[in-house]
């Protein structure tokens, strides 16, 4: 389609993971930037898609870095450029487009909730009819790492919900998506997060790794399908 994908990393350790694998496998060109490089973007019209990854910051931060990120996202959505936000990338999407970001009543961390049950999300009726979930089941297990959640405006469509934090996957317009969970997760990313993330360090790292190992095949299959579905929605052929 002649336009490249831009990946915005909010912190170096939260890289694109499985997204990068799929893009490389299908020879799709992409660039990675961090928030302090946003000012170098001359025109969003040249973007084929914007993917915003997670990070420990908050969409409610008032520093210039976050304001630039929110402004970029607003421009991208207003220009109807395909968007995919993960974790903080969901929250910045909601914040930029008129929703709210608030603290979770209970943080969601790792694969299991406080009762020891896997975090699962369920597609809503709108989600079951959305192209993002083509060839995917109505429910799947997810990895979570967030202390904030979103409250949606009337223009935002809820596509998947969870038990602890309701608003898990949303859509704005035809091609802008926000996903709270980390479907891009791979083993090397998980090891890095366990080493550096304070919330994950409060959990049993051996249990987390064991959970990932037991879920790995289905988890990667789901992640790959979601990524490819988004790329199709964004107009990329592979």
C-alpha atoms as a PDB file:
ATOM      1  CA  UNK A   1       0.000   0.000   0.000  1.00  0.00           C
ATOM      2  CA  UNK A   2       3.070   2.221  -0.058  1.00  0.00           C
ATOM      3  CA  UNK A   3       2.918   3.436   3.542  1.00  0.00           C
ATOM      4  CA  UNK A   4       4.887   2.211   6.521  1.00  0.00           C
ATOM      5  CA  UNK A   5       3.828   1.164  10.006  1.00  0.00           C
ATOM      6  CA  UNK A   6       5.037   3.268  12.915  1.00  0.00           C
ATOM      7  CA  UNK A   7       5.509   1.617  16.313  1.00  0.00           C
ATOM      8  CA  UNK A   8       5.650   3.889  19.355  1.00  0.00           C
ATOM      9  CA  UNK A   9       7.449   2.371  22.348  1.00  0.00           C
ATOM     10  CA  UNK A  10       6.621   4.034  25.659  1.00  0.00           C
ATOM     11  CA  UNK A  11       9.542   2.304  27.379  1.00  0.00           C
ATOM     12  CA  UNK A  12      12.405   0.323  25.868  1.00  0.00           C
ATOM     13  CA  UNK A  13      11.599  -2.970  27.621  1.00  0.00           C
ATOM     14  CA  UNK A  14       8.062  -3.089  26.248  1.00  0.00           C
ATOM     15  CA  UNK A  15       8.900  -3.847  22.652  1.00  0.00           C
ATOM     16  CA  UNK A  16       6.665  -5.151  19.855  1.00  0.00           C
ATOM     17  CA  UNK A  17       7.434  -8.817  20.519  1.00  0.00           C
ATOM     18  CA  UNK A  18       5.173 -11.020  18.416  1.00  0.00           C
ATOM     19  CA  UNK A  19       4.050  -8.025  16.349  1.00  0.00           C
ATOM     20  CA  UNK A  20       7.614  -7.593  15.117  1.00  0.00           C
ATOM     21  CA  UNK A  21       7.829 -11.295  14.230  1.00  0.00           C
ATOM     22  CA  UNK A  22       4.688 -11.136  12.095  1.00  0.00           C
ATOM     23  CA  UNK A  23       5.765  -7.931  10.339  1.00  0.00           C
ATOM     24  CA  UNK A  24       9.153  -9.396   9.489  1.00  0.00           C
ATOM     25  CA  UNK A  25       7.721 -12.700   8.320  1.00  0.00           C
ATOM     26  CA  UNK A  26       5.523 -10.860   5.843  1.00  0.00           C
ATOM     27  CA  UNK A  27       8.162  -8.310   4.779  1.00  0.00           C
ATOM     28  CA  UNK A  28       6.174  -5.348   6.051  1.00  0.00           C
ATOM     29  CA  UNK A  29       8.329  -2.315   6.762  1.00  0.00           C
ATOM     30  CA  UNK A  30       8.045  -0.532  10.071  1.00  0.00           C
ATOM     31  CA  UNK A  31       9.870   2.075  12.126  1.00  0.00           C
ATOM     32  CA  UNK A  32      10.142   2.299  15.907  1.00  0.00           C
ATOM     33  CA  UNK A  33      10.236   5.553  17.838  1.00  0.00           C
ATOM     34  CA  UNK A  34      10.008   6.644  21.464  1.00  0.00           C
ATOM     35  CA  UNK A  35       7.896   9.564  22.743  1.00  0.00           C
ATOM     36  CA  UNK A  36      10.721  12.098  22.637  1.00  0.00           C
ATOM     37  CA  UNK A  37      10.908  11.554  18.855  1.00  0.00           C
ATOM     38  CA  UNK A  38       7.265  12.364  18.148  1.00  0.00           C
ATOM     39  CA  UNK A  39       8.158  15.957  17.256  1.00  0.00           C
ATOM     40  CA  UNK A  40      10.114  14.610  14.268  1.00  0.00           C
ATOM     41  CA  UNK A  41       6.905  13.378  12.598  1.00  0.00           C
ATOM     42  CA  UNK A  42       6.117  15.894   9.890  1.00  0.00           C
ATOM     43  CA  UNK A  43       2.761  14.513   8.753  1.00  0.00           C
ATOM     44  CA  UNK A  44       0.624  11.628   9.973  1.00  0.00           C
ATOM     45  CA  UNK A  45      -0.826  11.321   6.468  1.00  0.00           C
ATOM     46  CA  UNK A  46       2.300   9.386   5.475  1.00  0.00           C
ATOM     47  CA  UNK A  47       1.566   6.631   8.004  1.00  0.00           C
ATOM     48  CA  UNK A  48       0.022   3.332   7.013  1.00  0.00           C
ATOM     49  CA  UNK A  49      -0.771   2.536  10.651  1.00  0.00           C
ATOM     50  CA  UNK A  50       0.257   3.527  14.159  1.00  0.00           C
ATOM     51  CA  UNK A  51       0.867   0.928  16.878  1.00  0.00           C
ATOM     52  CA  UNK A  52       1.338   2.225  20.428  1.00  0.00           C
ATOM     53  CA  UNK A  53       2.766  -0.180  22.995  1.00  0.00           C
ATOM     54  CA  UNK A  54       2.609  -0.342  26.779  1.00  0.00           C
ATOM     55  CA  UNK A  55       4.635   1.266  29.537  1.00  0.00           C
ATOM     56  CA  UNK A  56       4.557   2.207  33.212  1.00  0.00           C
ATOM     57  CA  UNK A  57       3.371   5.767  32.602  1.00  0.00           C
ATOM     58  CA  UNK A  58      -0.187   7.072  32.705  1.00  0.00           C
ATOM     59  CA  UNK A  59      -2.316   8.689  30.042  1.00  0.00           C
ATOM     60  CA  UNK A  60      -3.170  11.197  32.784  1.00  0.00           C
ATOM     61  CA  UNK A  61       0.436  12.391  33.046  1.00  0.00           C
ATOM     62  CA  UNK A  62       0.760  16.110  32.345  1.00  0.00           C
ATOM     63  CA  UNK A  63       4.337  16.185  31.072  1.00  0.00           C
ATOM     64  CA  UNK A  64       5.142  17.287  27.522  1.00  0.00           C
ATOM     65  CA  UNK A  65       6.011  13.763  26.447  1.00  0.00           C
ATOM     66  CA  UNK A  66       2.517  12.473  27.195  1.00  0.00           C
ATOM     67  CA  UNK A  67       0.831  15.536  25.738  1.00  0.00           C
ATOM     68  CA  UNK A  68       2.727  14.991  22.483  1.00  0.00           C
ATOM     69  CA  UNK A  69       1.655  11.354  22.454  1.00  0.00           C
ATOM     70  CA  UNK A  70      -1.992  12.212  23.008  1.00  0.00           C
ATOM     71  CA  UNK A  71      -1.842  14.884  20.293  1.00  0.00           C
ATOM     72  CA  UNK A  72      -0.304  12.391  17.848  1.00  0.00           C
ATOM     73  CA  UNK A  73      -2.999   9.810  18.545  1.00  0.00           C
ATOM     74  CA  UNK A  74      -5.757  12.382  18.141  1.00  0.00           C
ATOM     75  CA  UNK A  75      -4.338  13.408  14.765  1.00  0.00           C
ATOM     76  CA  UNK A  76      -4.050   9.797  13.637  1.00  0.00           C
ATOM     77  CA  UNK A  77      -7.618   8.906  14.607  1.00  0.00           C
ATOM     78  CA  UNK A  78      -8.986  12.123  13.114  1.00  0.00           C
ATOM     79  CA  UNK A  79      -7.209  11.265   9.855  1.00  0.00           C
ATOM     80  CA  UNK A  80      -8.758   7.753   9.979  1.00  0.00           C
ATOM     81  CA  UNK A  81      -5.342   6.112   9.944  1.00  0.00           C
ATOM     82  CA  UNK A  82      -5.425   2.546  11.334  1.00  0.00           C
ATOM     83  CA  UNK A  83      -4.435   2.388  14.991  1.00  0.00           C
ATOM     84  CA  UNK A  84      -3.623  -0.405  17.409  1.00  0.00           C
ATOM     85  CA  UNK A  85      -2.960   0.394  21.069  1.00  0.00           C
ATOM     86  CA  UNK A  86      -1.817  -2.122  23.655  1.00  0.00           C
ATOM     87  CA  UNK A  87      -2.183  -1.544  27.424  1.00  0.00           C
ATOM     88  CA  UNK A  88      -1.026   2.076  27.810  1.00  0.00           C
ATOM     89  CA  UNK A  89      -1.708   2.359  24.066  1.00  0.00           C
ATOM     90  CA  UNK A  90      -5.364   1.576  24.788  1.00  0.00           C
ATOM     91  CA  UNK A  91      -5.488   4.096  27.595  1.00  0.00           C
ATOM     92  CA  UNK A  92      -3.892   6.867  25.542  1.00  0.00           C
ATOM     93  CA  UNK A  93      -6.356   6.171  22.731  1.00  0.00           C
ATOM     94  CA  UNK A  94      -9.300   6.514  25.092  1.00  0.00           C
ATOM     95  CA  UNK A  95      -7.842   9.625  26.758  1.00  0.00           C
ATOM     96  CA  UNK A  96      -7.009  11.297  23.434  1.00  0.00           C
ATOM     97  CA  UNK A  97     -10.505  10.708  22.095  1.00  0.00           C
ATOM     98  CA  UNK A  98     -12.568  11.918  25.044  1.00  0.00           C
ATOM     99  CA  UNK A  99     -12.815   8.960  27.415  1.00  0.00           C
ATOM    100  CA  UNK A 100     -11.322   8.693  30.892  1.00  0.00           C
ATOM    101  CA  UNK A 101      -8.478   6.738  32.464  1.00  0.00           C
ATOM    102  CA  UNK A 102      -8.935   5.782  36.124  1.00  0.00           C
ATOM    103  CA  UNK A 103      -7.300   3.519  38.691  1.00  0.00           C
ATOM    104  CA  UNK A 104      -8.355  -0.124  38.729  1.00  0.00           C
ATOM    105  CA  UNK A 105     -10.171  -1.224  41.842  1.00  0.00           C
ATOM    106  CA  UNK A 106      -7.818  -4.210  41.689  1.00  0.00           C
ATOM    107  CA  UNK A 107      -4.642  -4.321  39.621  1.00  0.00           C
ATOM    108  CA  UNK A 108      -4.468  -7.016  36.984  1.00  0.00           C
ATOM    109  CA  UNK A 109      -1.024  -8.606  36.954  1.00  0.00           C
ATOM    110  CA  UNK A 110       0.245 -11.762  35.275  1.00  0.00           C
ATOM    111  CA  UNK A 111      -1.914 -14.640  34.070  1.00  0.00           C
ATOM    112  CA  UNK A 112      -3.978 -15.156  37.223  1.00  0.00           C
ATOM    113  CA  UNK A 113      -6.275 -13.069  39.380  1.00  0.00           C
ATOM    114  CA  UNK A 114      -6.186 -12.933  43.176  1.00  0.00           C
ATOM    115  CA  UNK A 115      -8.252 -16.101  43.345  1.00  0.00           C
ATOM    116  CA  UNK A 116      -5.685 -17.956  41.288  1.00  0.00           C
ATOM    117  CA  UNK A 117      -7.907 -18.182  38.207  1.00  0.00           C
ATOM    118  CA  UNK A 118      -6.673 -17.297  34.733  1.00  0.00           C
ATOM    119  CA  UNK A 119      -7.596 -13.868  33.422  1.00  0.00           C
ATOM    120  CA  UNK A 120     -10.047 -14.372  30.591  1.00  0.00           C
ATOM    121  CA  UNK A 121     -11.801 -11.955  28.302  1.00  0.00           C
ATOM    122  CA  UNK A 122     -15.101 -12.525  26.531  1.00  0.00           C
ATOM    123  CA  UNK A 123     -16.148 -11.024  23.228  1.00  0.00           C
ATOM    124  CA  UNK A 124     -19.266  -8.876  23.277  1.00  0.00           C
ATOM    125  CA  UNK A 125     -21.881  -9.293  20.515  1.00  0.00           C
ATOM    126  CA  UNK A 126     -20.160  -6.427  18.696  1.00  0.00           C
ATOM    127  CA  UNK A 127     -16.805  -8.136  19.161  1.00  0.00           C
ATOM    128  CA  UNK A 128     -18.058 -11.414  17.729  1.00  0.00           C
ATOM    129  CA  UNK A 129     -18.963  -9.545  14.537  1.00  0.00           C
ATOM    130  CA  UNK A 130     -15.723  -7.544  14.329  1.00  0.00           C
ATOM    131  CA  UNK A 131     -13.038  -8.386  11.769  1.00  0.00           C
ATOM    132  CA  UNK A 132     -10.343  -8.106  14.463  1.00  0.00           C
ATOM    133  CA  UNK A 133     -11.490 -11.476  15.826  1.00  0.00           C
ATOM    134  CA  UNK A 134     -11.808 -13.384  12.576  1.00  0.00           C
ATOM    135  CA  UNK A 135     -10.944 -17.063  13.122  1.00  0.00           C
ATOM    136  CA  UNK A 136     -10.727 -16.580  16.895  1.00  0.00           C
ATOM    137  CA  UNK A 137     -12.863 -17.999  19.723  1.00  0.00           C
ATOM    138  CA  UNK A 138     -15.310 -15.939  21.767  1.00  0.00           C
ATOM    139  CA  UNK A 139     -13.162 -16.230  24.901  1.00  0.00           C
ATOM    140  CA  UNK A 140      -9.443 -16.473  25.564  1.00  0.00           C
ATOM    141  CA  UNK A 141      -6.909 -16.387  28.366  1.00  0.00           C
ATOM    142  CA  UNK A 142      -4.740 -13.257  28.562  1.00  0.00           C
ATOM    143  CA  UNK A 143      -1.714 -11.773  30.298  1.00  0.00           C
ATOM    144  CA  UNK A 144      -2.340  -8.516  32.157  1.00  0.00           C
ATOM    145  CA  UNK A 145      -0.026  -5.829  33.520  1.00  0.00           C
ATOM    146  CA  UNK A 146      -1.878  -2.650  34.442  1.00  0.00           C
ATOM    147  CA  UNK A 147      -3.076  -0.596  37.387  1.00  0.00           C
ATOM    148  CA  UNK A 148      -5.388   1.702  35.436  1.00  0.00           C
ATOM    149  CA  UNK A 149      -8.439   1.098  33.310  1.00  0.00           C
ATOM    150  CA  UNK A 150     -10.668   3.096  30.965  1.00  0.00           C
ATOM    151  CA  UNK A 151     -14.136   4.587  30.971  1.00  0.00           C
ATOM    152  CA  UNK A 152     -15.565   4.862  27.485  1.00  0.00           C
ATOM    153  CA  UNK A 153     -17.298   7.699  25.719  1.00  0.00           C
ATOM    154  CA  UNK A 154     -20.393   7.142  23.577  1.00  0.00           C
ATOM    155  CA  UNK A 155     -18.331   6.905  20.388  1.00  0.00           C
ATOM    156  CA  UNK A 156     -16.306   3.929  21.701  1.00  0.00           C
ATOM    157  CA  UNK A 157     -17.509   0.376  21.107  1.00  0.00           C
ATOM    158  CA  UNK A 158     -16.712  -2.335  23.644  1.00  0.00           C
ATOM    159  CA  UNK A 159     -15.548  -5.485  21.857  1.00  0.00           C
ATOM    160  CA  UNK A 160     -14.350  -7.632  24.772  1.00  0.00           C
ATOM    161  CA  UNK A 161     -14.825  -7.505  28.515  1.00  0.00           C
ATOM    162  CA  UNK A 162     -13.223  -8.996  31.629  1.00  0.00           C
ATOM    163  CA  UNK A 163     -14.346  -9.832  35.131  1.00  0.00           C
ATOM    164  CA  UNK A 164     -12.027  -7.531  37.100  1.00  0.00           C
ATOM    165  CA  UNK A 165     -11.652  -4.628  34.665  1.00  0.00           C
ATOM    166  CA  UNK A 166     -14.622  -4.597  32.324  1.00  0.00           C
ATOM    167  CA  UNK A 167     -13.351  -2.594  29.357  1.00  0.00           C
ATOM    168  CA  UNK A 168     -10.699  -4.798  27.759  1.00  0.00           C
ATOM    169  CA  UNK A 169     -10.867  -4.259  23.992  1.00  0.00           C
ATOM    170  CA  UNK A 170     -12.491  -1.323  22.222  1.00  0.00           C
ATOM    171  CA  UNK A 171     -12.909   0.162  18.774  1.00  0.00           C
ATOM    172  CA  UNK A 172     -13.325   3.729  17.593  1.00  0.00           C
ATOM    173  CA  UNK A 173     -14.588   4.235  14.060  1.00  0.00           C
ATOM    174  CA  UNK A 174     -13.719   1.528  11.543  1.00  0.00           C
ATOM    175  CA  UNK A 175     -10.031   0.905  12.185  1.00  0.00           C
ATOM    176  CA  UNK A 176      -8.842   2.157  15.588  1.00  0.00           C
ATOM    177  CA  UNK A 177      -8.462  -0.505  18.275  1.00  0.00           C
ATOM    178  CA  UNK A 178      -7.311  -0.555  21.873  1.00  0.00           C
ATOM    179  CA  UNK A 179      -6.416  -3.763  23.723  1.00  0.00           C
ATOM    180  CA  UNK A 180      -5.716  -3.831  27.467  1.00  0.00           C
ATOM    181  CA  UNK A 181      -3.987  -7.225  27.603  1.00  0.00           C
ATOM    182  CA  UNK A 182      -0.595  -8.166  26.168  1.00  0.00           C
ATOM    183  CA  UNK A 183      -1.215 -10.488  23.246  1.00  0.00           C
ATOM    184  CA  UNK A 184       2.229  -9.533  21.841  1.00  0.00           C
ATOM    185  CA  UNK A 185       3.904 -11.406  24.688  1.00  0.00           C
ATOM    186  CA  UNK A 186       6.821 -13.745  23.967  1.00  0.00           C
ATOM    187  CA  UNK A 187       9.139 -15.627  26.290  1.00  0.00           C
ATOM    188  CA  UNK A 188      12.000 -13.125  26.006  1.00  0.00           C
ATOM    189  CA  UNK A 189       9.653 -10.204  26.750  1.00  0.00           C
ATOM    190  CA  UNK A 190       8.203 -12.042  29.717  1.00  0.00           C
ATOM    191  CA  UNK A 191      11.666 -12.706  31.157  1.00  0.00           C
ATOM    192  CA  UNK A 192      12.560  -9.027  30.740  1.00  0.00           C
ATOM    193  CA  UNK A 193       9.374  -7.820  32.414  1.00  0.00           C
ATOM    194  CA  UNK A 194       9.750 -10.220  35.326  1.00  0.00           C
ATOM    195  CA  UNK A 195      13.244  -8.859  35.855  1.00  0.00           C
ATOM    196  CA  UNK A 196      12.314  -5.176  35.778  1.00  0.00           C
ATOM    197  CA  UNK A 197       8.611  -4.706  36.598  1.00  0.00           C
ATOM    198  CA  UNK A 198       7.842  -4.039  40.256  1.00  0.00           C
ATOM    199  CA  UNK A 199       4.341  -5.530  40.138  1.00  0.00           C
ATOM    200  CA  UNK A 200       5.487  -8.761  38.518  1.00  0.00           C
ATOM    201  CA  UNK A 201       8.272  -9.055  41.065  1.00  0.00           C
ATOM    202  CA  UNK A 202       5.619  -9.402  43.770  1.00  0.00           C
ATOM    203  CA  UNK A 203       4.413 -12.616  42.143  1.00  0.00           C
ATOM    204  CA  UNK A 204       5.904 -16.100  41.932  1.00  0.00           C
ATOM    205  CA  UNK A 205       8.075 -15.857  38.813  1.00  0.00           C
ATOM    206  CA  UNK A 206       8.245 -19.630  38.452  1.00  0.00           C
ATOM    207  CA  UNK A 207       4.446 -19.801  38.409  1.00  0.00           C
ATOM    208  CA  UNK A 208       4.274 -17.066  35.762  1.00  0.00           C
ATOM    209  CA  UNK A 209       6.779 -18.877  33.567  1.00  0.00           C
ATOM    210  CA  UNK A 210       5.003 -22.180  34.094  1.00  0.00           C
ATOM    211  CA  UNK A 211       1.681 -20.608  33.117  1.00  0.00           C
ATOM    212  CA  UNK A 212       3.184 -19.159  29.959  1.00  0.00           C
ATOM    213  CA  UNK A 213       4.763 -22.472  29.033  1.00  0.00           C
ATOM    214  CA  UNK A 214       1.458 -24.314  29.408  1.00  0.00           C
ATOM    215  CA  UNK A 215      -0.462 -21.635  27.472  1.00  0.00           C
ATOM    216  CA  UNK A 216       2.255 -20.867  24.933  1.00  0.00           C
ATOM    217  CA  UNK A 217       0.935 -22.597  21.799  1.00  0.00           C
ATOM    218  CA  UNK A 218      -2.595 -21.204  22.028  1.00  0.00           C
ATOM    219  CA  UNK A 219      -1.370 -17.825  23.251  1.00  0.00           C
ATOM    220  CA  UNK A 220       0.970 -17.317  20.300  1.00  0.00           C
ATOM    221  CA  UNK A 221      -1.656 -18.598  17.865  1.00  0.00           C
ATOM    222  CA  UNK A 222      -4.166 -16.077  19.194  1.00  0.00           C
ATOM    223  CA  UNK A 223      -1.610 -13.257  19.099  1.00  0.00           C
ATOM    224  CA  UNK A 224      -0.584 -13.992  15.538  1.00  0.00           C
ATOM    225  CA  UNK A 225      -4.182 -14.126  14.362  1.00  0.00           C
ATOM    226  CA  UNK A 226      -5.044 -10.831  16.046  1.00  0.00           C
ATOM    227  CA  UNK A 227      -2.038  -9.127  14.467  1.00  0.00           C
ATOM    228  CA  UNK A 228      -2.819 -10.463  11.004  1.00  0.00           C
ATOM    229  CA  UNK A 229      -6.453  -9.482  11.366  1.00  0.00           C
ATOM    230  CA  UNK A 230      -5.464  -5.928  12.274  1.00  0.00           C
ATOM    231  CA  UNK A 231      -3.074  -5.750   9.333  1.00  0.00           C
ATOM    232  CA  UNK A 232      -5.885  -6.836   7.000  1.00  0.00           C
ATOM    233  CA  UNK A 233      -8.186  -4.195   8.459  1.00  0.00           C
ATOM    234  CA  UNK A 234      -5.398  -1.636   7.959  1.00  0.00           C
ATOM    235  CA  UNK A 235      -5.152  -2.565   4.282  1.00  0.00           C
ATOM    236  CA  UNK A 236      -1.854  -4.438   4.317  1.00  0.00           C
ATOM    237  CA  UNK A 237      -1.583  -7.584   2.209  1.00  0.00           C
ATOM    238  CA  UNK A 238       0.598 -10.510   3.217  1.00  0.00           C
END
